[in-house]
C-alpha cells in the first residue's frame, strides 16, 4: 500500500506538471495544444483533491474575486472575442485575447484553487517542484535544440527565429526560475544525488543568465544576497555558481559570441542603480495614463493594442492594463489581487529574526514577490497565470513549512 508521503508527492507532481506544461509552447508538439494538456493535468490534480473534501474558505473568497474579474472582462469584450472562446487557437491578438485569458488564466486558476485547497503537506509542495523539474529538463533540451539562436548575438533579431514561435525566452526563464527555487530548498540527500543537484543548479543559473531576462537575473542576485546574509549552507554552492556563470557570460562577450549581454543584461544593472529600470516602459505608461485620464471607464478588452501607435499590444503591467481596458472597477480588482499576493508574501517576514532563519518560507515569499514584480514589469491580463498560481500557492506552501511550535509564528491567511 502506498504511504501518504508518496501519495501526496505524486499528487503535487501532477499539479506541478500542469502548471508549467503550457509554457513549453509549440516546441513540444504532441498533436494537442499544450494549454489543453496542462488543463488535463490540472484537472486530475483538482479532481483527486475534490473527492476528499470541499473548497476551503480562503480559496473560495479568492475564486469569488476571480469570477468578478472574469465578469468584468466579459462585459468589456466584443462579440468576436466572446466567440473566440469556443474556437480557441492562434490568430489576431485583439480577437483571441479573451480566449487566451480563459484557457491560460481563468480555467487553470480555478483548477489550481481546488487542487491546493486544504493542502498542508510538505511532501505535496516537494511534489509540485518535482513536476517543475521534469518540465525544466524538457526546457533544457529546447535550449540546446535552439542554441544557435540563444547563444549567438543575432538570435533576438533573427526573423526566422521570431516566425518559428516555438521557443519562448520568457517562458523558459520562468520554468528555470521556478525549478531553481525547488532545488535550493533544504533537503537531506546523499552525496551522489547532491552532486547531480548542484550540477543542475549551476546549469539553470547559467541558462537563466544566458537567456538575458533581466528580472530573472535580478532574482538570482537577491537570492545570492540572502544566502550571504544568512551564511547558509548553500551559500558556497550558490555563490560559486552565480559568479562562475557571470564570468562565463563575460568570456562569451569578450570573444564576441554574445554581445547582447553588454546591451541588455549588464547595462540593466547600471539602469537599476541609476533608478532608470522602468525607462523602457515609459512610453507605454505615459500613453496608458493619458488614456485612463481621458476615459476612466475603460476602452474595452485589447483596446490598448488597437489604440497604441506602435508594435506593443499591451502596456507590460497588469494593473495599468486593467485600468486602461477594464476601467476603474477592473483596475481596482486587479490591484486587490496584486496587493493580496504581496501582503501574503511580506506578512511572514515578521518578526524579522524568524523570517531570516526560515529558508523555505523566504524562498516561497521571494517567488511570490518575484512573480508580482515580473507581471508589473512585463505582464499582461491574458498571461498572468503564474502570478495567480502564486496567489494560491504561497500561503499553502508557507503553512506547510511553518513551524507551528514557534512562539513567533503568524497566520498567513491571505486577505
Foldseek 3Di string as FASTA:
>chain_A
DDDPLVVLLQLLLLLLLLLQQQLQAQLDCPPDRSLVVSLVSLQVLLVVQVVVHDQDPLLVVVLVLLVVLLVLQVVQADPLLVVCLVVPDDDDCNNPLNNLQVSQANSSLVSLSSSLGPFQALSSVLSSLVNLVVVLVVLVVVCVVVVLLLFAACNVVDPVNVVVRSDDLVSNLVSLLSNLLSLPDDDDDDPVVVVVSLVVNLVSLLSNVSSQDQLSVVLLVVVLVLCVVLVDPCNVSSVVSNVVSVVVVVVCCVVNRHVVCVVGHVVLVVCVVVVNNQVVLVVLLVVLVVQCVVPQQADGRQVCLVPDPDDDSASLAALSRQRHHSGDVSSVSSVLLLVLLLCLLCVQCPPVVVNSPQSSLPSLSSVLVSLNVNSRRGNYSSNSNVNSSSSSPNLSSCSSSPDPPDPGGDRSRTD
